[in-house]
Amino acid sequence: MRKLSIAYLILFTISTSLKLFLVYKDVNHPYATAMVYFLIFFGLSFLINFNEPNLYKSISIAFGMSIGLSFFSLVLLPKKIGSEV
């Protein structure tokens, strides 16, 4: 149990540092946030199955969830089109 909590702490630290890097370096590329989502979900799904690692399943879950979150803003949060006066 202690190894699992240390692994979650390391995953949280890495994901927080990646997001801070993206924010403070002003990276506006859509693949940058998708990559951070992918790494977070891959790490979480890998840690859940820590005793029986299945990399194909972990990568496919992470890929699907990161793609879904990347397009979340396009589907549910429409932006205004046109010029504002």
N, C-alpha and C. Protein backbone atom coordinates (compact mmCIF):
# COMPACT_ATOMS: atom_id res chain seq x y z
N MET A 1 0.83 -1.19 0.00
CA MET A 1 0.00 0.00 0.00
C MET A 1 0.87 1.25 0.00
N ARG A 2 1.99 1.18 0.70
CA ARG A 2 2.86 2.35 0.77
C ARG A 2 3.48 2.65 -0.59
N LYS A 3 3.84 1.59 -1.35
CA LYS A 3 4.40 1.80 -2.69
C LYS A 3 3.38 2.46 -3.61
N LEU A 4 2.12 2.08 -3.47
CA LEU A 4 1.07 2.66 -4.30
C LEU A 4 0.86 4.13 -3.99
N SER A 5 0.88 4.51 -2.71
CA SER A 5 0.70 5.92 -2.36
C SER A 5 1.90 6.75 -2.80
N ILE A 6 3.08 6.20 -2.74
CA ILE A 6 4.27 6.91 -3.23
C ILE A 6 4.19 7.08 -4.74
N ALA A 7 3.69 6.06 -5.43
CA ALA A 7 3.55 6.17 -6.88
C ALA A 7 2.52 7.22 -7.26
N TYR A 8 1.40 7.31 -6.53
CA TYR A 8 0.42 8.36 -6.79
C TYR A 8 1.00 9.74 -6.52
N LEU A 9 1.80 9.86 -5.49
CA LEU A 9 2.44 11.14 -5.18
C LEU A 9 3.41 11.55 -6.29
N ILE A 10 4.16 10.60 -6.81
CA ILE A 10 5.08 10.90 -7.92
C ILE A 10 4.30 11.28 -9.17
N LEU A 11 3.22 10.57 -9.47
CA LEU A 11 2.39 10.90 -10.63
C LEU A 11 1.78 12.29 -10.49
N PHE A 12 1.30 12.64 -9.30
CA PHE A 12 0.74 13.96 -9.06
C PHE A 12 1.80 15.04 -9.24
N THR A 13 3.00 14.81 -8.76
CA THR A 13 4.08 15.79 -8.89
C THR A 13 4.46 16.00 -10.35
N ILE A 14 4.56 14.92 -11.09
CA ILE A 14 4.93 15.04 -12.51
C ILE A 14 3.84 15.75 -13.30
N SER A 15 2.58 15.40 -13.07
CA SER A 15 1.50 16.05 -13.82
C SER A 15 1.36 17.52 -13.44
N THR A 16 1.56 17.86 -12.18
CA THR A 16 1.49 19.27 -11.78
C THR A 16 2.63 20.06 -12.39
N SER A 17 3.82 19.50 -12.40
CA SER A 17 4.95 20.22 -13.00
C SER A 17 4.77 20.39 -14.50
N LEU A 18 4.20 19.39 -15.18
CA LEU A 18 3.92 19.53 -16.61
C LEU A 18 2.90 20.62 -16.89
N LYS A 19 1.84 20.67 -16.10
CA LYS A 19 0.83 21.70 -16.30
C LYS A 19 1.39 23.09 -15.98
N LEU A 20 2.20 23.21 -14.95
CA LEU A 20 2.81 24.50 -14.64
C LEU A 20 3.75 24.94 -15.76
N PHE A 21 4.48 24.00 -16.34
CA PHE A 21 5.35 24.32 -17.47
C PHE A 21 4.54 24.84 -18.64
N LEU A 22 3.41 24.18 -18.93
CA LEU A 22 2.57 24.63 -20.04
C LEU A 22 1.97 26.01 -19.79
N VAL A 23 1.62 26.28 -18.55
CA VAL A 23 1.00 27.57 -18.24
C VAL A 23 2.02 28.69 -18.27
N TYR A 24 3.15 28.50 -17.63
CA TYR A 24 4.12 29.59 -17.52
C TYR A 24 4.95 29.80 -18.78
N LYS A 25 5.09 28.79 -19.61
CA LYS A 25 5.78 28.95 -20.89
C LYS A 25 4.82 29.37 -21.99
N ASP A 26 3.53 29.49 -21.66
CA ASP A 26 2.48 29.92 -22.57
C ASP A 26 2.45 29.06 -23.83
N VAL A 27 2.36 27.77 -23.62
CA VAL A 27 2.26 26.82 -24.73
C VAL A 27 0.79 26.70 -25.10
N ASN A 28 0.44 27.09 -26.31
CA ASN A 28 -0.95 27.08 -26.75
C ASN A 28 -1.23 26.02 -27.81
N HIS A 29 -0.44 25.01 -27.85
CA HIS A 29 -0.63 23.94 -28.83
C HIS A 29 -1.63 22.93 -28.28
N PRO A 30 -2.62 22.51 -29.06
CA PRO A 30 -3.62 21.57 -28.52
C PRO A 30 -3.04 20.20 -28.18
N TYR A 31 -1.97 19.80 -28.84
CA TYR A 31 -1.37 18.50 -28.53
C TYR A 31 -0.64 18.51 -27.19
N ALA A 32 -0.25 19.68 -26.71
CA ALA A 32 0.46 19.75 -25.44
C ALA A 32 -0.45 19.34 -24.29
N THR A 33 -1.65 19.89 -24.25
CA THR A 33 -2.57 19.50 -23.18
C THR A 33 -3.05 18.06 -23.36
N ALA A 34 -3.21 17.63 -24.59
CA ALA A 34 -3.62 16.24 -24.83
C ALA A 34 -2.53 15.27 -24.34
N MET A 35 -1.27 15.65 -24.50
CA MET A 35 -0.18 14.80 -24.04
C MET A 35 -0.16 14.72 -22.51
N VAL A 36 -0.43 15.83 -21.85
CA VAL A 36 -0.49 15.81 -20.38
C VAL A 36 -1.65 14.94 -19.92
N TYR A 37 -2.81 15.06 -20.57
CA TYR A 37 -3.94 14.19 -20.23
C TYR A 37 -3.59 12.73 -20.44
N PHE A 38 -2.90 12.44 -21.55
CA PHE A 38 -2.50 11.07 -21.84
C PHE A 38 -1.58 10.52 -20.75
N LEU A 39 -0.60 11.31 -20.34
CA LEU A 39 0.33 10.84 -19.31
C LEU A 39 -0.36 10.63 -17.97
N ILE A 40 -1.29 11.51 -17.63
CA ILE A 40 -2.01 11.36 -16.37
C ILE A 40 -2.86 10.10 -16.38
N PHE A 41 -3.64 9.90 -17.44
CA PHE A 41 -4.52 8.74 -17.49
C PHE A 41 -3.73 7.44 -17.65
N PHE A 42 -2.62 7.48 -18.37
CA PHE A 42 -1.79 6.28 -18.49
C PHE A 42 -1.21 5.91 -17.13
N GLY A 43 -0.72 6.90 -16.42
CA GLY A 43 -0.17 6.63 -15.09
C GLY A 43 -1.21 6.10 -14.13
N LEU A 44 -2.40 6.68 -14.15
CA LEU A 44 -3.46 6.21 -13.26
C LEU A 44 -3.92 4.80 -13.61
N SER A 45 -4.12 4.51 -14.88
CA SER A 45 -4.57 3.17 -15.24
C SER A 45 -3.47 2.14 -15.03
N PHE A 46 -2.22 2.55 -15.16
CA PHE A 46 -1.12 1.62 -14.89
C PHE A 46 -1.00 1.34 -13.39
N LEU A 47 -1.22 2.38 -12.56
CA LEU A 47 -1.11 2.19 -11.12
C LEU A 47 -2.27 1.39 -10.55
N ILE A 48 -3.44 1.48 -11.17
CA ILE A 48 -4.57 0.70 -10.68
C ILE A 48 -4.31 -0.79 -10.87
N ASN A 49 -3.70 -1.17 -11.98
CA ASN A 49 -3.35 -2.57 -12.24
C ASN A 49 -1.86 -2.78 -12.00
N PHE A 50 -1.40 -2.40 -10.83
CA PHE A 50 0.03 -2.44 -10.53
C PHE A 50 0.56 -3.87 -10.45
N ASN A 51 -0.24 -4.80 -9.93
CA ASN A 51 0.21 -6.18 -9.78
C ASN A 51 0.21 -6.95 -11.09
N GLU A 52 -0.75 -6.62 -11.98
CA GLU A 52 -0.84 -7.28 -13.28
C GLU A 52 -0.80 -6.22 -14.37
N PRO A 53 0.36 -5.73 -14.73
CA PRO A 53 0.42 -4.65 -15.73
C PRO A 53 0.03 -5.13 -17.12
N ASN A 54 -0.82 -4.37 -17.76
CA ASN A 54 -1.24 -4.64 -19.13
C ASN A 54 -1.07 -3.33 -19.89
N LEU A 55 0.05 -3.18 -20.57
CA LEU A 55 0.37 -1.90 -21.20
C LEU A 55 -0.59 -1.56 -22.33
N TYR A 56 -1.04 -2.55 -23.09
CA TYR A 56 -1.97 -2.28 -24.19
C TYR A 56 -3.28 -1.69 -23.67
N LYS A 57 -3.79 -2.27 -22.60
CA LYS A 57 -5.03 -1.78 -22.01
C LYS A 57 -4.83 -0.40 -21.40
N SER A 58 -3.71 -0.18 -20.72
CA SER A 58 -3.44 1.12 -20.11
C SER A 58 -3.29 2.21 -21.16
N ILE A 59 -2.59 1.90 -22.24
CA ILE A 59 -2.39 2.90 -23.30
C ILE A 59 -3.70 3.19 -24.02
N SER A 60 -4.51 2.17 -24.26
CA SER A 60 -5.77 2.42 -24.97
C SER A 60 -6.74 3.23 -24.12
N ILE A 61 -6.80 2.96 -22.83
CA ILE A 61 -7.66 3.76 -21.95
C ILE A 61 -7.17 5.20 -21.90
N ALA A 62 -5.88 5.39 -21.75
CA ALA A 62 -5.33 6.74 -21.69
C ALA A 62 -5.53 7.49 -23.00
N PHE A 63 -5.36 6.81 -24.11
CA PHE A 63 -5.54 7.46 -25.41
C PHE A 63 -6.99 7.89 -25.62
N GLY A 64 -7.92 7.02 -25.30
CA GLY A 64 -9.33 7.35 -25.47
C GLY A 64 -9.77 8.49 -24.57
N MET A 65 -9.35 8.49 -23.32
CA MET A 65 -9.76 9.55 -22.41
C MET A 65 -9.10 10.88 -22.74
N SER A 66 -7.85 10.86 -23.19
CA SER A 66 -7.18 12.12 -23.54
C SER A 66 -7.77 12.72 -24.80
N ILE A 67 -8.12 11.89 -25.77
CA ILE A 67 -8.79 12.41 -26.97
C ILE A 67 -10.16 12.96 -26.61
N GLY A 68 -10.87 12.27 -25.75
CA GLY A 68 -12.18 12.75 -25.33
C GLY A 68 -12.11 14.08 -24.61
N LEU A 69 -11.15 14.24 -23.72
CA LEU A 69 -11.00 15.52 -23.02
C LEU A 69 -10.49 16.62 -23.93
N SER A 70 -9.72 16.28 -24.93
CA SER A 70 -9.22 17.30 -25.85
C SER A 70 -10.34 17.92 -26.67
N PHE A 71 -11.31 17.10 -27.04
CA PHE A 71 -12.43 17.60 -27.84
C PHE A 71 -13.63 18.02 -26.99
N PHE A 72 -13.49 17.99 -25.70
CA PHE A 72 -14.58 18.38 -24.80
C PHE A 72 -14.98 19.83 -25.00
N SER A 73 -14.00 20.70 -25.17
CA SER A 73 -14.30 22.12 -25.35
C SER A 73 -14.95 22.40 -26.70
N LEU A 74 -14.65 21.60 -27.70
CA LEU A 74 -15.26 21.80 -29.01
C LEU A 74 -16.72 21.38 -29.05
N VAL A 75 -17.05 20.33 -28.32
CA VAL A 75 -18.39 19.78 -28.40
C VAL A 75 -19.36 20.51 -27.47
N LEU A 76 -18.98 20.71 -26.24
CA LEU A 76 -19.92 21.22 -25.25
C LEU A 76 -19.81 22.71 -24.97
N LEU A 77 -18.72 23.33 -25.30
CA LEU A 77 -18.54 24.74 -25.00
C LEU A 77 -18.33 25.52 -26.29
N PRO A 78 -19.40 25.87 -27.00
CA PRO A 78 -19.23 26.58 -28.28
C PRO A 78 -18.69 27.99 -28.07
N LYS A 79 -17.83 28.39 -28.98
CA LYS A 79 -17.25 29.73 -28.93
C LYS A 79 -18.03 30.63 -29.87
N LYS A 80 -18.03 31.92 -29.57
CA LYS A 80 -18.72 32.88 -30.42
C LYS A 80 -17.95 33.07 -31.72
N ILE A 81 -18.67 33.07 -32.81
CA ILE A 81 -18.06 33.25 -34.12
C ILE A 81 -18.45 34.62 -34.63
N GLY A 82 -17.47 35.34 -35.15
CA GLY A 82 -17.74 36.67 -35.68
C GLY A 82 -16.97 37.72 -34.90
N SER A 83 -17.04 38.92 -35.37
CA SER A 83 -16.31 40.00 -34.71
C SER A 83 -17.19 40.67 -33.67
N GLU A 84 -16.55 41.01 -32.57
CA GLU A 84 -17.27 41.71 -31.50
C GLU A 84 -17.03 43.20 -31.64
N VAL A 85 -18.05 43.98 -31.41
CA VAL A 85 -17.94 45.43 -31.55
C VAL A 85 -17.70 46.06 -30.21
